[in-house]
C-alpha atoms as a PDB file:
ATOM      1  CA  MET A   1     108.635 106.311 114.298  1.00  0.00           C
ATOM      2  CA  ILE A   2     107.205 103.805 111.833  1.00  0.00           C
ATOM      3  CA  PRO A   3     104.608 101.628 113.596  1.00  0.00           C
ATOM      4  CA  ALA A   4     105.020  97.863 113.651  1.00  0.00           C
ATOM      5  CA  THR A   5     103.083  96.004 110.981  1.00  0.00           C
ATOM      6  CA  PRO A   6     100.445  93.723 112.501  1.00  0.00           C
ATOM      7  CA  ARG A   7     101.200  90.003 112.114  1.00  0.00           C
ATOM      8  CA  GLY A   8      97.908  89.457 110.248  1.00  0.00           C
ATOM      9  CA  THR A   9      98.892  92.048 107.660  1.00  0.00           C
ATOM     10  CA  LEU A  10     102.258  90.362 107.170  1.00  0.00           C
ATOM     11  CA  THR A  11     100.612  86.957 106.793  1.00  0.00           C
ATOM     12  CA  ALA A  12      98.117  88.304 104.246  1.00  0.00           C
ATOM     13  CA  SER A  13     100.929  89.983 102.309  1.00  0.00           C
ATOM     14  CA  LEU A  14     102.946  86.761 102.176  1.00  0.00           C
ATOM     15  CA  GLU A  15      99.880  84.866 100.975  1.00  0.00           C
ATOM     16  CA  THR A  16      99.377  87.443  98.222  1.00  0.00           C
ATOM     17  CA  LEU A  17     103.024  87.112  97.181  1.00  0.00           C
ATOM     18  CA  ALA A  18     102.705  83.331  97.009  1.00  0.00           C
ATOM     19  CA  GLN A  19      99.508  83.568  94.939  1.00  0.00           C
ATOM     20  CA  ARG A  20     101.072  85.991  92.468  1.00  0.00           C
ATOM     21  CA  SER A  21     104.499  84.402  92.158  1.00  0.00           C
ATOM     22  CA  LYS A  22     103.729  82.711  88.818  1.00  0.00           C
ATOM     23  CA  THR A  23     102.508  86.001  87.386  1.00  0.00           C
ATOM     24  CA  TRP A  24     105.748  87.669  88.443  1.00  0.00           C
ATOM     25  CA  THR A  25     107.893  84.994  86.808  1.00  0.00           C
ATOM     26  CA  ALA A  26     106.144  85.762  83.511  1.00  0.00           C
ATOM     27  CA  VAL A  27     107.125  89.448  83.628  1.00  0.00           C
ATOM     28  CA  PRO A  28     109.922  90.249  81.159  1.00  0.00           C
ATOM     29  CA  VAL A  29     113.340  90.928  82.692  1.00  0.00           C
ATOM     30  CA  ALA A  30     113.441  94.518  81.393  1.00  0.00           C
ATOM     31  CA  GLU A  31     110.175  95.269  83.179  1.00  0.00           C
ATOM     32  CA  LYS A  32     111.489  93.700  86.394  1.00  0.00           C
ATOM     33  CA  VAL A  33     114.566  95.924  86.138  1.00  0.00           C
ATOM     34  CA  ASP A  34     112.316  98.981  85.785  1.00  0.00           C
ATOM     35  CA  HIS A  35     110.358  97.904  88.884  1.00  0.00           C
ATOM     36  CA  LEU A  36     113.588  97.414  90.835  1.00  0.00           C
ATOM     37  CA  ARG A  37     114.871 100.847  89.848  1.00  0.00           C
ATOM     38  CA  THR A  38     111.597 102.396  91.029  1.00  0.00           C
ATOM     39  CA  VAL A  39     111.767 100.526  94.337  1.00  0.00           C
ATOM     40  CA  MET A  40     115.389 101.603  94.845  1.00  0.00           C
ATOM     41  CA  ALA A  41     114.560 105.255  94.148  1.00  0.00           C
ATOM     42  CA  ARG A  42     111.601 105.197  96.528  1.00  0.00           C
ATOM     43  CA  PHE A  43     113.663 103.451  99.199  1.00  0.00           C
ATOM     44  CA  LEU A  44     116.280 106.204  98.962  1.00  0.00           C
ATOM     45  CA  GLU A  45     113.509 108.751  99.532  1.00  0.00           C
ATOM     46  CA  VAL A  46     112.714 107.233 102.942  1.00  0.00           C
ATOM     47  CA  SER A  47     116.116 105.838 103.943  1.00  0.00           C
ATOM     48  CA  ASP A  48     116.993 108.723 106.267  1.00  0.00           C
ATOM     49  CA  ASP A  49     113.722 108.200 108.146  1.00  0.00           C
ATOM     50  CA  LEU A  50     114.355 104.450 108.370  1.00  0.00           C
ATOM     51  CA  VAL A  51     117.816 105.012 109.832  1.00  0.00           C
ATOM     52  CA  ALA A  52     116.477 107.586 112.298  1.00  0.00           C
ATOM     53  CA  ASP A  53     113.771 105.145 113.408  1.00  0.00           C
ATOM     54  CA  ALA A  54     116.306 102.322 113.780  1.00  0.00           C
ATOM     55  CA  LEU A  55     118.554 104.536 115.909  1.00  0.00           C
ATOM     56  CA  ALA A  56     115.613 105.655 118.036  1.00  0.00           C
ATOM     57  CA  ALA A  57     114.504 102.042 118.523  1.00  0.00           C
ATOM     58  CA  LYS A  58     118.011 101.197 119.755  1.00  0.00           C
ATOM     59  CA  GLY A  59     118.086 104.261 121.983  1.00  0.00           C
ATOM     60  CA  LEU A  60     121.011 105.748 120.048  1.00  0.00           C
ATOM     61  CA  ASP A  61     121.596 109.388 119.265  1.00  0.00           C
ATOM     62  CA  PRO A  62     120.885 110.175 115.585  1.00  0.00           C
ATOM     63  CA  SER A  63     124.309 111.830 115.323  1.00  0.00           C
ATOM     64  CA  TYR A  64     125.911 108.454 116.202  1.00  0.00           C
ATOM     65  CA  GLY A  65     126.503 107.757 112.500  1.00  0.00           C
ATOM     66  CA  ALA A  66     127.598 104.111 112.669  1.00  0.00           C
ATOM     67  CA  GLU A  67     124.368 102.642 111.273  1.00  0.00           C
END
């Protein structure tokens, strides 16, 4: 199971996002699309684990299949 992210880590991450938001808006659209494609591909790599963890957290059998 994926451990919960500590609240302090989340807060620090949100602060970093806020600080870098202007930099991100300056990135060309084509480069943003490339980043999004990379994120999507990496998300697909871990999606089965995320679903399994969500089912386990809900106490559901992984063969349930409705998630």
